[in-house]
Amino acid sequence: RLFLEQNMLSSFPNNMLNMTSLTELWLGSNRIATIDEQVVKKFASRTPLTFLSLDCNILDEIPAGIGDLSLLRELRLSANGLSLVPPLSIGRMNLLTELWLQNNRLAALPEDIGLMQNLKRLYVNNNDLVRLPLSVAGWTSLEELWVHENRLEYLPEDTHRMCSLRLLRASMNRITVVPVHLEQLTALRELELGHNRIQRLTLPDGGLLRLSNLQKLSVETNQLLEIPMDDLPKKSGRTQMFVRSGSHTGSQPSEGIAGLKSLTHLRMDCNKLLIVPPDMGNMINLETLNLSFNRIQWLPVEMGELKSLTKLSLHENPVMKMRPELKALEHDARALISYFRAEKEQDLRNSGLTKVPEHVTTKLLLQDLYISHNTLSVLPPTLHILRELR
């Protein structure tokens, strides 16, 4: 291994051609502005290089001949001034597993980069990309895709073919709708789509809501109008609270947001949400939930079922002003959960009661009331207003 970082080299060294055992070359944080294609070709034919770092230099282009480094497993070209990756260059590195191209000025990637079937991690964030290659279906080994802070208006239609993908970071783009068939990404654990222009998570086909292994979802700072709710046929015939969000043409019935059964972290802050659906209470693995800076006017008592929740953010919503008792608890997730559970259920068994406490008949959302094993002789005349009792 040879470490030449943080020096003042201005070009790719041409005096290392006899280093026939060299496997790692670190040239980051220099002043390299050019790479001689012939030097690279000779270097590739004489050394078994598997790692090359050229990040933090002043390259504005790379030669196609860099593709002759066919044994490379990792290539770092981040934080240069690259505006173009030529075709038949990096795309020829069939053994490459990790590629760093972030913090450049790239507006596009060559189509042949999608043919790199061994690629596991691709960093192209903080560029000027307006689209990804149509050949992304070839990234069958890709586990991490970092494309945040670009100018993407959409993700490729074949995104679902990246069958090994575990992490997709596509925040801070201009995306308006997610790709179809996302439910096929069964390995996906983290999905970041914050700071885009998405209005509905149910479009185009609701596939995002069927990512049953997803653990972290970030969709903050979009234009979301609703939290998708369950639109599967109900055995109980329970009345829905608003128009079923999965009823758009071409979408399949789903369990709404509750279909994300493994979700532990959810960010939906800074959108245009009005209501939290009762289905949210079915997300029993949820640990953190951020719904702040929305237009939420109503919260369901089913929030009390979120027993794993340790962090809940609801500030800057109308409901917090309309219900002062919630405002006082907004920074205490456990206290809020307990509050909602009390709104849904009252257990007054074996309490030595001679009459029903007055506060009970003020809980209009009460579903379960236990007052057995007391000494009641009469029930209050206002008990009939508890219409939600099951």
Protein backbone atom coordinates (compact mmCIF):
# COMPACT_ATOMS: atom_id res chain seq x y z
CA ARG A 1 0.00 0.00 0.00
CA LEU A 2 1.15 3.54 -0.78
CA PHE A 3 -0.23 6.60 1.02
CA LEU A 4 0.41 9.95 -0.69
CA GLU A 5 -2.53 11.95 0.67
CA GLN A 6 -2.42 15.64 1.54
CA ASN A 7 0.57 16.61 -0.54
CA MET A 8 0.95 18.94 -3.52
CA LEU A 9 1.02 16.47 -6.41
CA SER A 10 -0.35 18.01 -9.62
CA SER A 11 -0.64 14.91 -11.81
CA PHE A 12 -1.01 11.16 -11.57
CA PRO A 13 2.50 9.82 -10.73
CA ASN A 14 4.33 8.18 -13.63
CA ASN A 15 7.22 6.71 -11.62
CA MET A 16 5.39 3.79 -10.01
CA LEU A 17 5.31 1.43 -12.98
CA ASN A 18 7.66 -1.07 -11.35
CA MET A 19 5.55 -1.48 -8.20
CA THR A 20 4.24 -4.83 -9.33
CA SER A 21 2.80 -5.78 -5.93
CA LEU A 22 0.93 -2.54 -5.21
CA THR A 23 -2.73 -3.11 -4.32
CA GLU A 24 -3.75 0.21 -2.71
CA LEU A 25 -2.90 3.73 -3.84
CA TRP A 26 -4.08 6.75 -1.83
CA LEU A 27 -3.76 10.06 -3.72
CA GLY A 28 -6.52 12.06 -2.06
CA SER A 29 -6.26 15.73 -1.06
CA ASN A 30 -3.58 16.74 -3.52
CA ARG A 31 -3.75 19.14 -6.47
CA ILE A 32 -4.01 16.58 -9.24
CA ALA A 33 -5.66 18.22 -12.25
CA THR A 34 -4.88 15.68 -14.99
CA ILE A 35 -4.50 11.94 -15.42
CA ASP A 36 -2.40 10.85 -18.38
CA GLU A 37 -4.26 8.04 -20.12
CA GLN A 38 -1.10 6.29 -21.30
CA VAL A 39 0.39 6.31 -17.81
CA VAL A 40 -2.79 4.76 -16.43
CA LYS A 41 -2.82 2.08 -19.13
CA LYS A 42 0.78 1.09 -18.37
CA PHE A 43 0.10 1.21 -14.66
CA ALA A 44 -2.93 -1.07 -15.11
CA SER A 45 -0.89 -3.65 -17.01
CA ARG A 46 1.83 -3.90 -14.36
CA THR A 47 0.13 -3.58 -10.95
CA PRO A 48 -2.65 -5.61 -9.30
CA LEU A 49 -4.30 -2.44 -7.94
CA THR A 50 -7.61 -3.08 -6.14
CA PHE A 51 -8.05 0.31 -4.41
CA LEU A 52 -7.55 3.83 -5.80
CA SER A 53 -8.37 7.08 -4.04
CA LEU A 54 -8.32 10.34 -6.02
CA ASP A 55 -10.88 12.24 -3.96
CA CYS A 56 -10.43 15.90 -3.03
CA ASN A 57 -8.33 16.89 -6.02
CA ILE A 58 -9.13 19.31 -8.87
CA LEU A 59 -9.93 16.89 -11.68
CA ASP A 60 -12.53 18.09 -14.16
CA GLU A 61 -12.34 14.96 -16.30
CA ILE A 62 -11.04 11.41 -16.22
CA PRO A 63 -9.69 9.46 -19.21
CA ALA A 64 -11.57 6.50 -20.60
CA GLY A 65 -8.38 4.51 -20.05
CA ILE A 66 -9.04 4.45 -16.32
CA GLY A 67 -11.32 1.54 -17.11
CA ASP A 68 -8.19 -0.55 -17.78
CA LEU A 69 -7.75 -0.80 -14.00
CA SER A 70 -9.88 -3.89 -14.24
CA LEU A 71 -8.93 -5.35 -10.85
CA LEU A 72 -10.21 -2.36 -8.86
CA ARG A 73 -12.72 -3.13 -6.11
CA GLU A 74 -13.01 0.45 -4.84
CA LEU A 75 -12.60 3.76 -6.67
CA ARG A 76 -12.89 7.16 -5.01
CA LEU A 77 -13.31 10.27 -7.16
CA SER A 78 -15.40 12.43 -4.85
CA ALA A 79 -14.96 16.18 -4.31
CA ASN A 80 -13.31 17.02 -7.59
CA GLY A 81 -14.76 19.13 -10.38
CA LEU A 82 -15.92 16.28 -12.57
CA SER A 83 -18.66 17.19 -15.02
CA LEU A 84 -18.48 14.01 -17.10
CA VAL A 85 -17.73 10.33 -16.72
CA PRO A 86 -16.92 9.12 -20.24
CA PRO A 87 -18.55 5.94 -21.57
CA LEU A 88 -16.44 2.78 -21.69
CA SER A 89 -14.40 3.96 -18.71
CA ILE A 90 -15.59 3.12 -15.20
CA GLY A 91 -18.29 0.92 -16.68
CA ARG A 92 -15.59 -1.57 -17.71
CA MET A 93 -14.52 -2.20 -14.11
CA ASN A 94 -16.50 -5.41 -13.69
CA LEU A 95 -15.06 -6.22 -10.24
CA LEU A 96 -15.78 -2.82 -8.72
CA THR A 97 -17.91 -3.01 -5.55
CA GLU A 98 -17.70 0.58 -4.30
CA LEU A 99 -17.72 3.81 -6.32
CA TRP A 100 -17.44 7.33 -4.87
CA LEU A 101 -18.53 10.14 -7.21
CA GLN A 102 -20.22 12.48 -4.75
CA ASN A 103 -19.61 16.23 -4.55
CA ASN A 104 -18.84 16.80 -8.22
CA ARG A 105 -20.71 18.55 -11.06
CA LEU A 106 -22.08 15.49 -12.87
CA ALA A 107 -25.29 16.02 -14.83
CA ALA A 108 -25.50 12.41 -16.05
CA LEU A 109 -23.91 9.00 -15.68
CA PRO A 110 -22.98 6.81 -18.66
CA GLU A 111 -25.42 4.02 -19.45
CA ASP A 112 -22.72 1.36 -19.21
CA ILE A 113 -22.33 2.08 -15.50
CA GLY A 114 -25.55 0.13 -15.07
CA LEU A 115 -23.76 -2.98 -16.30
CA MET A 116 -21.56 -3.18 -13.20
CA GLN A 117 -23.19 -6.24 -11.66
CA ASN A 118 -20.83 -6.47 -8.66
CA LEU A 119 -21.36 -2.90 -7.50
CA LYS A 120 -22.56 -2.80 -3.87
CA ARG A 121 -22.29 0.86 -2.89
CA LEU A 122 -22.69 3.87 -5.18
CA TYR A 123 -22.25 7.43 -3.93
CA VAL A 124 -23.38 10.06 -6.45
CA ASN A 125 -24.98 12.52 -4.04
CA ASN A 126 -24.33 16.26 -4.24
CA ASN A 127 -24.12 16.47 -8.02
CA ASP A 128 -26.33 17.95 -10.74
CA LEU A 129 -27.90 14.68 -11.92
CA VAL A 130 -31.25 15.08 -13.66
CA ARG A 131 -31.73 11.35 -14.18
CA LEU A 132 -30.14 7.99 -13.45
CA PRO A 133 -29.17 5.51 -16.19
CA LEU A 134 -32.00 3.45 -17.61
CA SER A 135 -29.73 0.44 -17.17
CA VAL A 136 -30.09 0.39 -13.36
CA ALA A 137 -31.74 -3.03 -13.68
CA GLY A 138 -28.18 -4.34 -13.89
CA TRP A 139 -27.41 -3.26 -10.33
CA THR A 140 -28.62 -6.53 -8.88
CA SER A 141 -25.88 -6.56 -6.20
CA LEU A 142 -26.26 -2.92 -5.20
CA GLU A 143 -26.93 -2.53 -1.46
CA GLU A 144 -26.60 1.23 -0.98
CA LEU A 145 -27.57 4.00 -3.40
CA TRP A 146 -26.83 7.59 -2.36
CA VAL A 147 -28.42 10.04 -4.81
CA HIS A 148 -29.55 12.81 -2.47
CA GLU A 149 -28.96 16.49 -3.27
CA ASN A 150 -29.27 16.27 -7.04
CA ARG A 151 -31.92 17.47 -9.50
CA LEU A 152 -33.74 14.20 -10.08
CA GLU A 153 -37.41 14.53 -11.03
CA TYR A 154 -38.01 10.80 -10.85
CA LEU A 155 -36.30 7.50 -10.04
CA PRO A 156 -35.91 4.95 -12.86
CA GLU A 157 -38.86 2.70 -13.66
CA ASP A 158 -36.65 -0.34 -13.05
CA THR A 159 -35.64 0.70 -9.53
CA HIS A 160 -37.50 -2.34 -8.22
CA ARG A 161 -35.01 -4.60 -9.99
CA MET A 162 -32.21 -3.57 -7.59
CA CYS A 163 -33.11 -6.66 -5.59
CA SER A 164 -30.27 -6.36 -3.03
CA LEU A 165 -30.90 -2.72 -2.15
CA ARG A 166 -30.91 -2.04 1.61
CA LEU A 167 -30.50 1.75 1.68
CA LEU A 168 -31.86 4.33 -0.76
CA ARG A 169 -31.17 7.99 -0.05
CA ALA A 170 -32.92 10.23 -2.56
CA SER A 171 -33.78 13.27 -0.47
CA MET A 172 -33.33 16.87 -1.64
CA ASN A 173 -34.30 16.29 -5.26
CA ARG A 174 -37.38 17.24 -7.30
CA ILE A 175 -39.13 13.87 -7.24
CA THR A 176 -42.93 14.05 -7.58
CA VAL A 177 -43.84 10.35 -7.54
CA VAL A 178 -42.11 7.12 -6.50
CA PRO A 179 -41.49 4.27 -8.99
CA VAL A 180 -43.82 1.30 -9.45
CA HIS A 181 -43.41 -2.15 -7.86
CA LEU A 182 -41.32 -0.92 -4.93
CA GLU A 183 -42.70 -3.80 -2.85
CA GLN A 184 -40.27 -6.04 -4.75
CA LEU A 185 -37.37 -4.41 -2.88
CA THR A 186 -37.71 -6.91 -0.06
CA ALA A 187 -34.19 -6.20 1.26
CA LEU A 188 -34.84 -2.45 1.63
CA ARG A 189 -34.46 -1.24 5.23
CA GLU A 190 -34.01 2.54 4.88
CA LEU A 191 -35.74 4.87 2.43
CA GLU A 192 -35.11 8.61 2.47
CA LEU A 193 -37.32 10.78 0.24
CA GLY A 194 -37.41 13.99 2.25
CA HIS A 195 -37.30 17.44 0.65
CA ASN A 196 -38.95 16.45 -2.62
CA ARG A 197 -42.33 17.27 -4.21
CA ILE A 198 -44.31 14.11 -3.46
CA GLN A 199 -48.05 14.60 -2.81
CA ARG A 200 -49.25 11.03 -2.29
CA LEU A 201 -47.48 7.90 -1.09
CA THR A 202 -50.18 5.77 -2.71
CA LEU A 203 -49.19 6.73 -6.25
CA PRO A 204 -48.64 5.25 -8.73
CA ASP A 205 -49.45 1.76 -7.40
CA GLY A 206 -49.05 1.88 -3.61
CA GLY A 207 -45.97 -0.34 -3.74
CA LEU A 208 -44.13 1.79 -1.20
CA LEU A 209 -46.79 0.91 1.41
CA ARG A 210 -46.11 -2.80 0.92
CA LEU A 211 -42.44 -2.64 1.90
CA SER A 212 -43.04 -4.92 4.87
CA ASN A 213 -39.34 -5.09 5.85
CA LEU A 214 -38.71 -1.34 5.75
CA GLN A 215 -37.47 0.01 9.09
CA LYS A 216 -36.84 3.71 8.43
CA LEU A 217 -38.90 6.02 6.20
CA SER A 218 -38.25 9.75 5.79
CA VAL A 219 -40.70 11.78 3.71
CA GLU A 220 -40.40 15.10 5.51
CA THR A 221 -40.72 18.41 3.66
CA ASN A 222 -42.80 17.20 0.75
CA GLN A 223 -46.36 18.15 -0.22
CA LEU A 224 -48.15 15.20 1.38
CA LEU A 225 -51.86 15.80 1.93
CA GLU A 226 -52.70 12.66 3.91
CA ILE A 227 -51.35 9.66 5.75
CA PRO A 228 -52.54 6.65 3.73
CA MET A 229 -55.03 4.51 5.63
CA ASP A 230 -56.24 0.94 5.30
CA ASP A 231 -58.40 0.43 2.20
CA LEU A 232 -58.75 -3.35 2.45
CA PRO A 233 -62.31 -4.72 2.76
CA LYS A 234 -63.42 -4.68 6.38
CA LYS A 235 -65.15 -7.61 8.02
CA SER A 236 -66.58 -5.34 10.68
CA GLY A 237 -67.88 -2.76 8.26
CA ARG A 238 -66.23 -0.01 10.28
CA THR A 239 -66.93 3.43 8.84
CA GLN A 240 -63.93 5.12 7.28
CA MET A 241 -63.15 8.66 8.33
CA PHE A 242 -62.22 10.08 4.95
CA VAL A 243 -61.85 9.11 1.29
CA ARG A 244 -59.81 5.96 0.88
CA SER A 245 -56.38 7.00 -0.23
CA GLY A 246 -55.70 3.83 -2.22
CA SER A 247 -58.68 4.25 -4.51
CA HIS A 248 -56.75 5.89 -7.34
CA THR A 249 -56.76 4.24 -10.72
CA GLY A 250 -54.14 1.52 -11.03
CA SER A 251 -53.42 1.18 -7.32
CA GLN A 252 -53.84 -2.04 -5.39
CA PRO A 253 -55.64 -2.34 -2.05
CA SER A 254 -53.23 -1.93 0.86
CA GLU A 255 -53.08 -1.68 4.60
CA GLY A 256 -52.14 1.96 4.27
CA ILE A 257 -49.28 3.23 6.41
CA ALA A 258 -49.80 0.23 8.72
CA GLY A 259 -48.63 -2.03 5.88
CA LEU A 260 -45.09 -0.97 6.82
CA LYS A 261 -45.10 -3.60 9.54
CA SER A 262 -41.40 -3.42 10.46
CA LEU A 263 -41.15 0.37 10.54
CA THR A 264 -39.34 1.75 13.60
CA HIS A 265 -38.66 5.34 12.50
CA LEU A 266 -41.04 7.58 10.55
CA ARG A 267 -40.55 11.23 9.57
CA MET A 268 -43.50 13.05 8.03
CA ASP A 269 -42.86 16.53 9.41
CA CYS A 270 -43.24 19.68 7.33
CA ASN A 271 -46.05 18.49 5.05
CA LYS A 272 -49.75 19.38 4.73
CA LEU A 273 -51.29 16.57 6.78
CA LEU A 274 -54.71 17.22 8.36
CA ILE A 275 -55.53 13.96 10.14
CA VAL A 276 -53.74 11.00 11.67
CA PRO A 277 -55.75 7.86 10.75
CA PRO A 278 -56.65 5.28 13.44
CA ASP A 279 -54.57 2.73 11.48
CA MET A 280 -51.45 4.42 12.83
CA GLY A 281 -52.12 2.57 16.08
CA ASN A 282 -51.28 -0.72 14.34
CA MET A 283 -47.63 0.29 13.86
CA ILE A 284 -46.59 -1.47 17.04
CA ASN A 285 -42.84 -1.45 16.24
CA LEU A 286 -42.66 2.31 15.78
CA GLU A 287 -40.05 3.92 18.05
CA THR A 288 -39.83 7.48 16.70
CA LEU A 289 -42.56 9.46 14.96
CA ASN A 290 -42.21 13.05 13.76
CA LEU A 291 -45.44 14.76 12.63
CA SER A 292 -44.49 18.31 13.55
CA PHE A 293 -45.13 21.33 11.31
CA ASN A 294 -48.27 19.99 9.64
CA ARG A 295 -51.94 21.02 9.76
CA ILE A 296 -53.17 18.17 11.97
CA GLN A 297 -56.44 18.97 13.72
CA TRP A 298 -57.35 15.55 15.07
CA LEU A 299 -55.51 12.64 16.69
CA PRO A 300 -57.04 9.18 17.20
CA VAL A 301 -57.12 7.42 20.56
CA GLU A 302 -55.43 4.50 18.77
CA MET A 303 -52.20 6.45 19.23
CA GLY A 304 -52.23 4.86 22.66
CA GLU A 305 -51.41 1.49 21.06
CA LEU A 306 -47.92 2.64 20.02
CA LYS A 307 -46.29 0.87 22.95
CA SER A 308 -42.74 0.94 21.48
CA LEU A 309 -42.77 4.68 20.87
CA THR A 310 -40.04 6.59 22.69
CA LYS A 311 -40.01 9.84 20.71
CA LEU A 312 -43.08 11.66 19.37
CA SER A 313 -43.00 15.15 17.82
CA LEU A 314 -46.33 16.92 17.29
CA HIS A 315 -45.44 20.56 17.80
CA GLU A 316 -46.64 23.29 15.44
CA ASN A 317 -49.95 21.58 14.64
CA PRO A 318 -53.41 23.14 15.25
CA VAL A 319 -54.42 20.19 17.45
CA MET A 320 -51.85 21.20 20.05
CA LYS A 321 -53.52 24.60 20.41
CA MET A 322 -57.04 23.16 20.32
CA ARG A 323 -56.25 20.70 23.11
CA PRO A 324 -54.11 22.37 25.79
CA GLU A 325 -53.80 19.09 27.71
CA LEU A 326 -51.80 17.71 24.76
CA LYS A 327 -49.65 20.81 24.53
CA ALA A 328 -48.46 20.20 28.07
CA LEU A 329 -47.31 16.70 27.11
CA GLU A 330 -45.83 17.35 23.65
CA HIS A 331 -42.23 16.65 24.72
CA ASP A 332 -43.04 13.45 26.63
CA ALA A 333 -43.84 10.55 24.29
CA ARG A 334 -44.65 8.10 27.05
CA ALA A 335 -47.00 10.55 28.78
CA LEU A 336 -48.79 11.20 25.48
CA ILE A 337 -49.24 7.49 24.85
CA SER A 338 -50.62 7.05 28.35
CA TYR A 339 -53.00 9.93 27.75
CA PHE A 340 -54.36 8.38 24.57
CA ARG A 341 -54.72 5.00 26.24
CA ALA A 342 -56.77 6.64 28.99
CA GLU A 343 -58.96 8.28 26.36
CA LYS A 344 -59.65 4.87 24.87
CA GLU A 345 -59.84 2.71 27.97
CA GLN A 346 -60.76 3.24 31.64
CA ASP A 347 -60.14 0.48 34.14
CA LEU A 348 -61.90 1.23 37.44
CA ARG A 349 -62.37 -2.33 38.66
CA ASN A 350 -62.11 -2.95 42.40
CA SER A 351 -61.92 0.79 43.11
CA GLY A 352 -64.52 0.91 45.89
CA LEU A 353 -66.76 3.18 43.84
CA THR A 354 -70.29 4.01 44.90
CA LYS A 355 -70.89 6.11 41.79
CA VAL A 356 -69.32 6.56 38.39
CA PRO A 357 -66.77 9.42 38.46
CA GLU A 358 -67.87 12.51 36.54
CA HIS A 359 -64.77 12.55 34.32
CA VAL A 360 -65.75 9.23 32.76
CA THR A 361 -68.70 10.68 30.84
CA THR A 362 -66.49 13.42 29.39
CA LYS A 363 -64.34 10.90 27.51
CA LEU A 364 -66.40 10.76 24.34
CA LEU A 365 -63.88 8.50 22.56
CA LEU A 366 -63.94 5.85 25.26
CA GLN A 367 -64.15 2.33 23.80
CA ASP A 368 -63.63 0.09 26.86
CA LEU A 369 -64.95 0.87 30.34
CA TYR A 370 -64.35 -1.50 33.24
CA ILE A 371 -66.28 -0.66 36.42
CA SER A 372 -67.08 -4.14 37.69
CA HIS A 373 -66.47 -5.25 41.29
CA ASN A 374 -67.57 -1.97 42.89
CA THR A 375 -70.68 -1.01 44.93
CA LEU A 376 -72.60 0.94 42.29
CA SER A 377 -76.35 1.17 42.81
CA VAL A 378 -77.15 3.53 39.97
CA LEU A 379 -75.58 4.62 36.66
CA PRO A 380 -75.32 8.27 35.61
CA PRO A 381 -78.02 9.48 33.15
CA THR A 382 -75.33 10.85 30.84
CA LEU A 383 -73.69 7.45 30.30
CA HIS A 384 -75.50 7.09 26.96
CA ILE A 385 -73.30 9.73 25.36
CA LEU A 386 -70.37 7.27 25.32
CA ARG A 387 -71.32 6.10 21.84
CA GLU A 388 -67.92 4.66 21.00
CA LEU A 389 -68.14 1.94 23.67
CA ARG A 390 -67.64 -1.46 22.10
